[in-house]
C-alpha atoms as a PDB file:
ATOM      1  CA  MET A   1      -0.168  -0.139   0.143  1.00  0.00           C
ATOM      2  CA  PRO A   2       1.833   3.190  -0.797  1.00  0.00           C
ATOM      3  CA  ASP A   3       2.508   5.904   1.458  1.00  0.00           C
ATOM      4  CA  GLY A   4       0.836   9.452   1.467  1.00  0.00           C
ATOM      5  CA  ILE A   5      -2.747   8.491   1.441  1.00  0.00           C
ATOM      6  CA  PHE A   6      -3.559   7.014   4.640  1.00  0.00           C
ATOM      7  CA  PRO A   7      -1.346   8.215   7.060  1.00  0.00           C
ATOM      8  CA  PHE A   8      -2.850  11.899   6.699  1.00  0.00           C
ATOM      9  CA  LEU A   9      -6.395  10.548   6.778  1.00  0.00           C
ATOM     10  CA  PRO A  10      -6.842  11.667  10.913  1.00  0.00           C
ATOM     11  CA  ASP A  11      -5.858  15.290   9.075  1.00  0.00           C
ATOM     12  CA  TRP A  12      -9.244  14.910   7.624  1.00  0.00           C
ATOM     13  CA  PHE A  13     -11.665  15.339  10.742  1.00  0.00           C
ATOM     14  CA  ARG A  14      -9.380  17.834  12.634  1.00  0.00           C
ATOM     15  CA  PHE A  15     -11.484  21.538  12.833  1.00  0.00           C
ATOM     16  CA  ASP A  16      -9.624  23.738  10.185  1.00  0.00           C
ATOM     17  CA  PRO A  17     -11.303  27.074  10.161  1.00  0.00           C
ATOM     18  CA  ALA A  18      -8.594  28.278   8.066  1.00  0.00           C
ATOM     19  CA  SER A  19      -9.784  26.109   4.856  1.00  0.00           C
ATOM     20  CA  ALA A  20     -13.414  26.124   5.682  1.00  0.00           C
ATOM     21  CA  SER A  21     -16.210  26.655   3.110  1.00  0.00           C
ATOM     22  CA  PRO A  22     -18.233  29.609   4.784  1.00  0.00           C
ATOM     23  CA  ILE A  23     -21.219  29.367   2.950  1.00  0.00           C
ATOM     24  CA  VAL A  24     -22.080  25.497   3.896  1.00  0.00           C
ATOM     25  CA  ALA A  25     -20.920  26.402   7.120  1.00  0.00           C
ATOM     26  CA  VAL A  26     -23.414  29.272   7.835  1.00  0.00           C
ATOM     27  CA  ALA A  27     -26.281  27.793   6.169  1.00  0.00           C
ATOM     28  CA  ALA A  28     -25.911  24.108   8.388  1.00  0.00           C
ATOM     29  CA  LEU A  29     -25.732  26.950  11.414  1.00  0.00           C
ATOM     30  CA  LEU A  30     -28.817  28.716  10.340  1.00  0.00           C
ATOM     31  CA  LEU A  31     -30.981  25.704   9.612  1.00  0.00           C
ATOM     32  CA  CYS A  32     -29.883  24.404  12.841  1.00  0.00           C
ATOM     33  CA  ALA A  33     -31.018  27.008  14.669  1.00  0.00           C
ATOM     34  CA  TRP A  34     -34.134  27.845  12.868  1.00  0.00           C
ATOM     35  CA  TYR A  35     -35.120  24.105  13.107  1.00  0.00           C
ATOM     36  CA  LEU A  36     -34.450  23.460  16.699  1.00  0.00           C
ATOM     37  CA  HIS A  37     -36.447  27.282  17.300  1.00  0.00           C
ATOM     38  CA  GLY A  38     -39.359  25.618  15.742  1.00  0.00           C
ATOM     39  CA  ALA A  39     -39.349  22.256  18.000  1.00  0.00           C
ATOM     40  CA  VAL A  40     -38.272  24.049  21.127  1.00  0.00           C
ATOM     41  CA  HIS A  41     -41.817  26.488  20.406  1.00  0.00           C
ATOM     42  CA  LEU A  42     -43.646  23.493  20.005  1.00  0.00           C
ATOM     43  CA  TRP A  43     -42.815  21.803  23.107  1.00  0.00           C
ATOM     44  CA  ALA A  44     -42.760  24.721  24.980  1.00  0.00           C
ATOM     45  CA  ARG A  45     -46.599  25.032  23.780  1.00  0.00           C
ATOM     46  CA  ARG A  46     -47.409  21.449  24.640  1.00  0.00           C
ATOM     47  CA  ARG A  47     -47.234  20.654  21.264  1.00  0.00           C
ATOM     48  CA  ARG A  48     -45.854  17.175  20.043  1.00  0.00           C
ATOM     49  CA  TRP A  49     -42.915  17.172  17.563  1.00  0.00           C
ATOM     50  CA  PRO A  50     -40.976  13.535  17.046  1.00  0.00           C
ATOM     51  CA  LEU A  51     -37.832  13.956  18.815  1.00  0.00           C
ATOM     52  CA  ALA A  52     -36.111  11.291  16.188  1.00  0.00           C
ATOM     53  CA  ARG A  53     -36.840  13.918  13.693  1.00  0.00           C
ATOM     54  CA  THR A  54     -34.914  16.235  15.372  1.00  0.00           C
ATOM     55  CA  ILE A  55     -32.507  14.230  16.254  1.00  0.00           C
ATOM     56  CA  SER A  56     -31.575  13.203  12.051  1.00  0.00           C
ATOM     57  CA  PHE A  57     -32.165  17.171  11.341  1.00  0.00           C
ATOM     58  CA  VAL A  58     -29.435  18.576  13.811  1.00  0.00           C
ATOM     59  CA  LEU A  59     -27.421  15.173  12.954  1.00  0.00           C
ATOM     60  CA  GLY A  60     -27.438  16.149   9.095  1.00  0.00           C
ATOM     61  CA  CYS A  61     -26.711  20.064  10.201  1.00  0.00           C
ATOM     62  CA  THR A  62     -23.105  18.809  12.456  1.00  0.00           C
ATOM     63  CA  VAL A  63     -22.281  16.655   9.459  1.00  0.00           C
ATOM     64  CA  MET A  64     -23.082  19.323   7.204  1.00  0.00           C
ATOM     65  CA  PHE A  65     -21.042  21.951   9.073  1.00  0.00           C
ATOM     66  CA  SER A  66     -18.067  19.371   9.769  1.00  0.00           C
ATOM     67  CA  ILE A  67     -17.857  18.481   6.103  1.00  0.00           C
ATOM     68  CA  ALA A  68     -17.101  22.034   5.212  1.00  0.00           C
ATOM     69  CA  THR A  69     -14.841  23.290   7.724  1.00  0.00           C
ATOM     70  CA  PHE A  70     -12.990  19.780   8.728  1.00  0.00           C
ATOM     71  CA  GLY A  71      -9.507  19.285   7.141  1.00  0.00           C
ATOM     72  CA  VAL A  72     -11.331  17.179   4.499  1.00  0.00           C
ATOM     73  CA  ASN A  73     -12.449  20.122   2.856  1.00  0.00           C
ATOM     74  CA  ARG A  74      -8.728  21.415   2.653  1.00  0.00           C
ATOM     75  CA  TYR A  75      -7.622  18.193   1.360  1.00  0.00           C
ATOM     76  CA  ALA A  76      -9.970  18.464  -1.165  1.00  0.00           C
ATOM     77  CA  SER A  77      -8.236  20.297  -3.191  1.00  0.00           C
ATOM     78  CA  VAL A  78      -4.954  17.483  -3.726  1.00  0.00           C
ATOM     79  CA  SER A  79      -6.476  14.452  -3.046  1.00  0.00           C
ATOM     80  CA  ILE A  80      -9.486  12.811  -5.567  1.00  0.00           C
ATOM     81  CA  THR A  81     -10.151  10.675  -2.175  1.00  0.00           C
ATOM     82  CA  ALA A  82     -11.036  13.388  -0.122  1.00  0.00           C
ATOM     83  CA  LEU A  83     -12.901  14.942  -2.475  1.00  0.00           C
ATOM     84  CA  MET A  84     -14.529  12.031  -3.542  1.00  0.00           C
ATOM     85  CA  PHE A  85     -15.672  11.366   0.333  1.00  0.00           C
ATOM     86  CA  GLN A  86     -16.826  14.757   0.800  1.00  0.00           C
ATOM     87  CA  GLN A  87     -19.129  14.633  -2.488  1.00  0.00           C
ATOM     88  CA  ILE A  88     -20.481  11.454  -1.785  1.00  0.00           C
ATOM     89  CA  THR A  89     -21.333  12.957   1.683  1.00  0.00           C
ATOM     90  CA  VAL A  90     -23.056  16.068   0.599  1.00  0.00           C
ATOM     91  CA  MET A  91     -25.262  14.675  -1.514  1.00  0.00           C
ATOM     92  CA  THR A  92     -25.864  10.899  -0.177  1.00  0.00           C
ATOM     93  CA  VAL A  93     -25.607  11.299   3.718  1.00  0.00           C
ATOM     94  CA  ILE A  94     -26.845  14.829   4.385  1.00  0.00           C
ATOM     95  CA  PRO A  95     -29.789  15.072   2.134  1.00  0.00           C
ATOM     96  CA  PRO A  96     -31.737  11.952   3.663  1.00  0.00           C
ATOM     97  CA  LEU A  97     -30.772  13.353   7.581  1.00  0.00           C
ATOM     98  CA  LEU A  98     -32.093  16.833   6.911  1.00  0.00           C
ATOM     99  CA  ILE A  99     -35.140  15.514   4.514  1.00  0.00           C
ATOM    100  CA  ALA A 100     -36.059  12.608   7.532  1.00  0.00           C
ATOM    101  CA  GLY A 101     -36.330  15.674   9.983  1.00  0.00           C
ATOM    102  CA  SER A 102     -39.741  16.606   7.750  1.00  0.00           C
ATOM    103  CA  PRO A 103     -38.741  20.817   8.101  1.00  0.00           C
ATOM    104  CA  GLY A 104     -41.413  21.317   5.808  1.00  0.00           C
ATOM    105  CA  ARG A 105     -43.928  19.842   8.115  1.00  0.00           C
ATOM    106  CA  LEU A 106     -42.355  22.026  11.137  1.00  0.00           C
ATOM    107  CA  LEU A 107     -42.456  25.286   9.115  1.00  0.00           C
ATOM    108  CA  LEU A 108     -46.090  24.848   8.804  1.00  0.00           C
ATOM    109  CA  ARG A 109     -47.150  23.690  12.104  1.00  0.00           C
ATOM    110  CA  SER A 110     -44.174  26.228  14.365  1.00  0.00           C
ATOM    111  CA  THR A 111     -44.890  29.516  12.294  1.00  0.00           C
ATOM    112  CA  SER A 112     -46.798  31.967  13.068  1.00  0.00           C
ATOM    113  CA  HIS A 113     -49.932  32.845  10.709  1.00  0.00           C
ATOM    114  CA  ARG A 114     -49.253  36.531  11.350  1.00  0.00           C
ATOM    115  CA  GLY A 115     -46.487  39.473  10.543  1.00  0.00           C
ATOM    116  CA  VAL A 116     -43.264  37.865   8.949  1.00  0.00           C
ATOM    117  CA  GLY A 117     -44.395  34.128   9.793  1.00  0.00           C
ATOM    118  CA  GLY A 118     -47.169  34.725   7.725  1.00  0.00           C
ATOM    119  CA  ILE A 119     -45.620  36.174   4.299  1.00  0.00           C
ATOM    120  CA  ALA A 120     -43.290  33.466   4.796  1.00  0.00           C
ATOM    121  CA  LEU A 121     -46.035  30.762   4.784  1.00  0.00           C
ATOM    122  CA  LYS A 122     -47.601  32.490   1.854  1.00  0.00           C
ATOM    123  CA  LEU A 123     -44.395  32.543   0.091  1.00  0.00           C
ATOM    124  CA  ALA A 124     -43.925  28.335   1.120  1.00  0.00           C
ATOM    125  CA  HIS A 125     -47.189  27.569  -0.403  1.00  0.00           C
ATOM    126  CA  ALA A 126     -46.878  29.531  -3.521  1.00  0.00           C
ATOM    127  CA  GLY A 127     -43.561  27.807  -4.126  1.00  0.00           C
ATOM    128  CA  LEU A 128     -45.123  24.562  -3.510  1.00  0.00           C
ATOM    129  CA  ARG A 129     -47.403  25.080  -6.032  1.00  0.00           C
ATOM    130  CA  SER A 130     -45.304  26.700  -8.581  1.00  0.00           C
ATOM    131  CA  ARG A 131     -44.545  24.876 -11.809  1.00  0.00           C
ATOM    132  CA  TRP A 132     -40.737  24.954 -11.201  1.00  0.00           C
ATOM    133  CA  ALA A 133     -41.667  22.815  -7.960  1.00  0.00           C
ATOM    134  CA  ARG A 134     -43.357  20.524  -9.987  1.00  0.00           C
ATOM    135  CA  ALA A 135     -40.917  20.086 -12.696  1.00  0.00           C
ATOM    136  CA  VAL A 136     -37.559  20.021 -10.158  1.00  0.00           C
ATOM    137  CA  LEU A 137     -39.132  17.074  -8.553  1.00  0.00           C
ATOM    138  CA  HIS A 138     -39.580  15.334 -11.718  1.00  0.00           C
ATOM    139  CA  PRO A 139     -38.498  11.685 -11.878  1.00  0.00           C
ATOM    140  CA  LEU A 140     -36.163  12.284 -14.409  1.00  0.00           C
ATOM    141  CA  VAL A 141     -34.470  15.418 -12.421  1.00  0.00           C
ATOM    142  CA  PRO A 142     -32.473  13.161 -10.179  1.00  0.00           C
ATOM    143  CA  ILE A 143     -30.949  10.745 -13.074  1.00  0.00           C
ATOM    144  CA  ALA A 144     -30.190  14.358 -14.640  1.00  0.00           C
ATOM    145  CA  ILE A 145     -28.121  15.228 -11.233  1.00  0.00           C
ATOM    146  CA  ALA A 146     -26.175  12.334 -10.893  1.00  0.00           C
ATOM    147  CA  LEU A 147     -25.260  12.264 -15.003  1.00  0.00           C
ATOM    148  CA  ALA A 148     -24.357  16.067 -14.145  1.00  0.00           C
ATOM    149  CA  VAL A 149     -22.169  15.380 -10.972  1.00  0.00           C
ATOM    150  CA  PHE A 150     -20.349  12.277 -11.561  1.00  0.00           C
ATOM    151  CA  PRO A 151     -19.740  11.536 -15.934  1.00  0.00           C
ATOM    152  CA  ALA A 152     -20.177  14.838 -16.933  1.00  0.00           C
ATOM    153  CA  LEU A 153     -18.255  16.907 -14.087  1.00  0.00           C
ATOM    154  CA  TYR A 154     -15.329  13.689 -13.312  1.00  0.00           C
ATOM    155  CA  LEU A 155     -14.900  12.415 -17.199  1.00  0.00           C
ATOM    156  CA  THR A 156     -14.494  15.956 -19.037  1.00  0.00           C
ATOM    157  CA  ASP A 157     -11.644  17.128 -16.141  1.00  0.00           C
ATOM    158  CA  PHE A 158     -13.872  19.961 -15.517  1.00  0.00           C
ATOM    159  CA  ILE A 159     -13.398  19.070 -11.272  1.00  0.00           C
ATOM    160  CA  SER A 160      -9.785  20.411 -12.335  1.00  0.00           C
ATOM    161  CA  ILE A 161     -11.228  24.122 -13.124  1.00  0.00           C
ATOM    162  CA  LEU A 162     -13.635  24.128 -10.583  1.00  0.00           C
ATOM    163  CA  MET A 163     -11.355  22.537  -7.377  1.00  0.00           C
ATOM    164  CA  ALA A 164      -8.277  24.977  -9.055  1.00  0.00           C
ATOM    165  CA  THR A 165     -10.332  28.445  -7.356  1.00  0.00           C
ATOM    166  CA  ARG A 166     -10.815  28.920  -3.755  1.00  0.00           C
ATOM    167  CA  ILE A 167     -14.274  30.219  -4.991  1.00  0.00           C
ATOM    168  CA  GLY A 168     -14.865  27.762  -7.558  1.00  0.00           C
ATOM    169  CA  ALA A 169     -14.611  24.909  -4.836  1.00  0.00           C
ATOM    170  CA  ASP A 170     -17.082  26.369  -2.678  1.00  0.00           C
ATOM    171  CA  ALA A 171     -19.249  26.740  -4.853  1.00  0.00           C
ATOM    172  CA  LEU A 172     -19.752  23.586  -6.069  1.00  0.00           C
ATOM    173  CA  LEU A 173     -19.574  22.220  -2.671  1.00  0.00           C
ATOM    174  CA  ALA A 174     -23.024  24.365  -2.212  1.00  0.00           C
ATOM    175  CA  GLY A 175     -24.393  23.561  -5.426  1.00  0.00           C
ATOM    176  CA  LEU A 176     -23.723  19.932  -4.932  1.00  0.00           C
ATOM    177  CA  LEU A 177     -25.352  20.163  -1.462  1.00  0.00           C
ATOM    178  CA  VAL A 178     -28.813  21.798  -3.027  1.00  0.00           C
ATOM    179  CA  ALA A 179     -28.674  19.599  -6.218  1.00  0.00           C
ATOM    180  CA  GLY A 180     -28.518  16.370  -3.642  1.00  0.00           C
ATOM    181  CA  ILE A 181     -31.186  17.682  -1.680  1.00  0.00           C
ATOM    182  CA  ILE A 182     -33.527  18.002  -5.609  1.00  0.00           C
ATOM    183  CA  ALA A 183     -32.572  14.561  -5.987  1.00  0.00           C
ATOM    184  CA  ALA A 184     -33.098  13.065  -2.195  1.00  0.00           C
ATOM    185  CA  VAL A 185     -36.852  14.833  -1.969  1.00  0.00           C
ATOM    186  CA  PRO A 186     -39.049  12.586  -3.968  1.00  0.00           C
ATOM    187  CA  LEU A 187     -37.252   9.392  -2.342  1.00  0.00           C
ATOM    188  CA  TRP A 188     -37.326  10.371   1.389  1.00  0.00           C
ATOM    189  CA  SER A 189     -39.747  13.062   1.922  1.00  0.00           C
ATOM    190  CA  SER A 190     -42.977  12.800   4.273  1.00  0.00           C
ATOM    191  CA  ASP A 191     -43.660  15.954   3.717  1.00  0.00           C
ATOM    192  CA  PRO A 192     -46.528  17.335   1.780  1.00  0.00           C
ATOM    193  CA  LEU A 193     -45.212  17.635  -1.983  1.00  0.00           C
ATOM    194  CA  PRO A 194     -46.949  19.186  -5.598  1.00  0.00           C
ATOM    195  CA  ARG A 195     -45.508  16.070  -7.267  1.00  0.00           C
ATOM    196  CA  VAL A 196     -45.309  12.594  -5.823  1.00  0.00           C
ATOM    197  CA  PRO A 197     -43.344   9.670  -7.758  1.00  0.00           C
ATOM    198  CA  SER A 198     -44.716   6.391  -8.399  1.00  0.00           C
ATOM    199  CA  TYR A 199     -42.488   3.831  -6.757  1.00  0.00           C
ATOM    200  CA  PRO A 200     -41.720   2.364 -10.182  1.00  0.00           C
ATOM    201  CA  ALA A 201     -40.094   5.568 -11.258  1.00  0.00           C
ATOM    202  CA  ARG A 202     -38.310   5.933  -7.746  1.00  0.00           C
ATOM    203  CA  LEU A 203     -36.582   2.606  -8.527  1.00  0.00           C
ATOM    204  CA  VAL A 204     -35.770   3.221 -11.431  1.00  0.00           C
ATOM    205  CA  ASP A 205     -34.222   5.913 -10.276  1.00  0.00           C
ATOM    206  CA  ILE A 206     -31.872   4.110  -7.678  1.00  0.00           C
ATOM    207  CA  VAL A 207     -31.561   1.603 -10.112  1.00  0.00           C
ATOM    208  CA  VAL A 208     -29.545   4.236 -13.108  1.00  0.00           C
ATOM    209  CA  GLU A 209     -27.944   5.994  -9.716  1.00  0.00           C
ATOM    210  CA  ILE A 210     -26.188   2.854  -8.573  1.00  0.00           C
ATOM    211  CA  GLN A 211     -25.066   1.958 -11.859  1.00  0.00           C
ATOM    212  CA  ILE A 212     -23.795   5.569 -12.943  1.00  0.00           C
ATOM    213  CA  HIS A 213     -21.559   5.764  -9.841  1.00  0.00           C
ATOM    214  CA  ALA A 214     -20.601   1.707 -10.074  1.00  0.00           C
ATOM    215  CA  VAL A 215     -19.626   2.861 -13.878  1.00  0.00           C
ATOM    216  CA  LEU A 216     -17.647   5.518 -12.836  1.00  0.00           C
ATOM    217  CA  GLY A 217     -15.688   3.812  -9.910  1.00  0.00           C
ATOM    218  CA  LEU A 218     -14.267   1.048 -12.157  1.00  0.00           C
ATOM    219  CA  ILE A 219     -13.364   3.710 -14.455  1.00  0.00           C
ATOM    220  CA  LEU A 220     -11.055   4.881 -11.636  1.00  0.00           C
ATOM    221  CA  ILE A 221     -10.235   1.638 -10.452  1.00  0.00           C
ATOM    222  CA  ARG A 222      -8.918   0.494 -13.751  1.00  0.00           C
ATOM    223  CA  ALA A 223      -7.609   3.693 -14.644  1.00  0.00           C
ATOM    224  CA  ALA A 224      -3.696   3.529 -15.477  1.00  0.00           C
ATOM    225  CA  ALA A 225      -2.677   7.206 -15.694  1.00  0.00           C
ATOM    226  CA  PRO A 226      -4.042  10.209 -13.561  1.00  0.00           C
ATOM    227  CA  LEU A 227      -7.329  11.298 -14.726  1.00  0.00           C
ATOM    228  CA  PHE A 228      -7.332  14.716 -13.667  1.00  0.00           C
ATOM    229  CA  SER A 229      -4.856  17.380 -15.049  1.00  0.00           C
ATOM    230  CA  GLY A 230      -5.977  19.215 -11.458  1.00  0.00           C
ATOM    231  CA  TYR A 231      -4.644  16.150  -9.431  1.00  0.00           C
ATOM    232  CA  SER A 232      -2.038  14.614 -11.780  1.00  0.00           C
ATOM    233  CA  THR A 233       1.115  15.656  -9.771  1.00  0.00           C
ATOM    234  CA  PRO A 234       2.079  13.888  -6.440  1.00  0.00           C
ATOM    235  CA  GLU A 235       1.633  16.399  -3.106  1.00  0.00           C
ATOM    236  CA  GLN A 236       2.544  15.129  -0.238  1.00  0.00           C
ATOM    237  CA  GLY A 237       3.697  12.056  -1.036  1.00  0.00           C
ATOM    238  CA  MET A 238       0.375  10.234  -2.646  1.00  0.00           C
ATOM    239  CA  ASP A 239       0.537   8.693  -5.952  1.00  0.00           C
ATOM    240  CA  PRO A 240      -2.350  10.148  -7.842  1.00  0.00           C
ATOM    241  CA  VAL A 241      -2.947   6.769  -9.633  1.00  0.00           C
ATOM    242  CA  TYR A 242      -3.561   5.023  -6.539  1.00  0.00           C
ATOM    243  CA  ASP A 243      -5.231   7.960  -4.921  1.00  0.00           C
ATOM    244  CA  GLN A 244      -8.061   7.869  -7.765  1.00  0.00           C
ATOM    245  CA  ALA A 245      -8.259   3.860  -7.119  1.00  0.00           C
ATOM    246  CA  VAL A 246      -9.427   4.515  -3.833  1.00  0.00           C
ATOM    247  CA  ALA A 247     -11.909   7.313  -4.997  1.00  0.00           C
ATOM    248  CA  GLY A 248     -13.658   5.002  -7.232  1.00  0.00           C
ATOM    249  CA  MET A 249     -13.810   2.268  -4.509  1.00  0.00           C
ATOM    250  CA  LEU A 250     -15.487   4.934  -2.652  1.00  0.00           C
ATOM    251  CA  LEU A 251     -18.120   5.455  -5.376  1.00  0.00           C
ATOM    252  CA  TRP A 252     -18.623   1.158  -5.045  1.00  0.00           C
ATOM    253  CA  THR A 253     -19.089   1.345  -1.307  1.00  0.00           C
ATOM    254  CA  TYR A 254     -19.438   4.874   0.492  1.00  0.00           C
ATOM    255  CA  ALA A 255     -22.034   5.587  -2.056  1.00  0.00           C
ATOM    256  CA  GLU A 256     -23.764   2.638  -2.960  1.00  0.00           C
ATOM    257  CA  LEU A 257     -25.155   2.306   0.865  1.00  0.00           C
ATOM    258  CA  PRO A 258     -27.472   4.930   1.068  1.00  0.00           C
ATOM    259  CA  LEU A 259     -29.087   4.312  -2.157  1.00  0.00           C
ATOM    260  CA  LEU A 260     -28.993   0.506  -0.920  1.00  0.00           C
ATOM    261  CA  VAL A 261     -30.953   1.973   1.934  1.00  0.00           C
ATOM    262  CA  VAL A 262     -33.403   3.927  -0.285  1.00  0.00           C
ATOM    263  CA  LEU A 263     -33.830   0.933  -2.537  1.00  0.00           C
ATOM    264  CA  ILE A 264     -35.063  -1.261   0.755  1.00  0.00           C
ATOM    265  CA  VAL A 265     -36.861   1.441   1.641  1.00  0.00           C
ATOM    266  CA  CYS A 266     -38.506   2.447  -1.106  1.00  0.00           C
ATOM    267  CA  LEU A 267     -39.770  -1.757  -1.827  1.00  0.00           C
ATOM    268  CA  SER A 268     -40.992  -1.633   1.810  1.00  0.00           C
ATOM    269  CA  ARG A 269     -43.160   1.182   1.272  1.00  0.00           C
ATOM    270  CA  TRP A 270     -44.309  -0.235  -1.848  1.00  0.00           C
ATOM    271  CA  HIS A 271     -45.104  -3.202  -0.355  1.00  0.00           C
ATOM    272  CA  SER A 272     -46.865  -1.893   2.995  1.00  0.00           C
ATOM    273  CA  ARG A 273     -48.963   0.470   0.416  1.00  0.00           C
ATOM    274  CA  ASP A 274     -50.207  -2.541  -1.642  1.00  0.00           C
ATOM    275  CA  ARG A 275     -51.115  -4.417   1.551  1.00  0.00           C
ATOM    276  CA  ARG A 276     -53.065  -1.281   2.629  1.00  0.00           C
ATOM    277  CA  SER A 277     -54.960  -0.982  -0.798  1.00  0.00           C
ATOM    278  CA  SER A 278     -55.507  -4.831  -0.635  1.00  0.00           C
ATOM    279  CA  ARG A 279     -57.239  -4.935   2.846  1.00  0.00           C
ATOM    280  CA  LEU A 280     -59.285  -1.533   1.883  1.00  0.00           C
ATOM    281  CA  GLU A 281     -60.470  -3.637  -1.419  1.00  0.00           C
ATOM    282  CA  GLU A 282     -61.594  -6.854   0.793  1.00  0.00           C
ATOM    283  CA  SER A 283     -63.371  -4.659   3.264  1.00  0.00           C
ATOM    284  CA  ARG A 284     -64.825  -2.706   0.316  1.00  0.00           C
ATOM    285  CA  GLU A 285     -66.118  -6.038  -1.183  1.00  0.00           C
ATOM    286  CA  ASP A 286     -67.271  -7.797   2.284  1.00  0.00           C
ATOM    287  CA  ALA A 287     -69.381  -4.940   2.544  1.00  0.00           C
ATOM    288  CA  GLU A 288     -70.929  -4.908  -1.134  1.00  0.00           C
ATOM    289  CA  ARG A 289     -71.129  -8.959  -0.330  1.00  0.00           C
ATOM    290  CA  ALA A 290     -72.949  -8.157   3.239  1.00  0.00           C
ATOM    291  CA  GLU A 291     -75.211  -5.911   1.813  1.00  0.00           C
ATOM    292  CA  TYR A 292     -76.475  -8.633  -1.366  1.00  0.00           C
ATOM    293  CA  ASN A 293     -76.896 -10.875   1.360  1.00  0.00           C
ATOM    294  CA  ALA A 294     -78.922  -8.596   3.334  1.00  0.00           C
ATOM    295  CA  TYR A 295     -81.022  -7.605   0.051  1.00  0.00           C
ATOM    296  CA  LEU A 296     -81.698 -11.667  -0.800  1.00  0.00           C
ATOM    297  CA  ALA A 297     -82.619 -11.734   2.978  1.00  0.00           C
ATOM    298  CA  GLU A 298     -85.094  -9.089   2.119  1.00  0.00           C
ATOM    299  CA  ILE A 299     -86.523 -10.459  -0.551  1.00  0.00           C
ATOM    300  CA  ALA A 300     -86.875 -14.214   0.499  1.00  0.00           C
ATOM    301  CA  ASN A 301     -88.730 -12.586   3.531  1.00  0.00           C
ATOM    302  CA  ARG A 302     -90.906 -10.787   1.569  1.00  0.00           C
ATOM    303  CA  ASP A 303     -92.058 -13.768  -0.501  1.00  0.00           C
ATOM    304  CA  ARG A 304     -92.634 -16.026   2.704  1.00  0.00           C
ATOM    305  CA  GLY A 305     -94.757 -13.480   4.220  1.00  0.00           C
END
């Protein structure tokens, strides 16, 4: 195993404010503060709000803040492995944690209907009913995002251009977070949505994303030469070829795990919905059968009379 990749792994998880991405870090703090304020507001009024949802959202904000302020953010500019770890975390780990907290429901339940709160609620409702919201939640959008982020970003070496400057790296991290949330909302959200994709469409999205990760991961693992101009020069003792091979392994393992979890959840929800539909259909048939039997009994009684 070549030296120079794993020896600095502990530095990834050390607080490094000098290299922090301010957009994502500040957004994490603001989102966490807003969510806790809303949850505490409900609890203070003796209204129920699940603690599990609160923990999930706060954990998502914590990971979001960490990925933008820890050493991994600094190493992302010199190591494809660090960059891939950061981007996979931003796109496939943080969004489900945030969405599982049901921030939309919290907004509707904790926001005042007067003053600024009323304006915020009107804007939220208008956004949900807009054509843009329906377009963003189209089943093809997650596939388009996966194609744009991984094959298009990496195989064109556009990633080297973006990561060459601090502004480009910060903008890329923020953009990937937004893209990850948009792609994850149809799969994870239990909040009211203007468009709810069918379960077959969700399965197609998951399977296609898994294949995209697998193909790009295989390319990175099998490449015999550096693929990215910005990461082709050995820095701090790292072998660029080995570095990108480890990044490919992350796509095969770390990136696939959340998708496998959502696949299981999707199949479970689909099965539960079909069972509920079957029970409702059986109840309706039983009611119709009982009504028909009562009708026959009434006719028989009338004939005997």
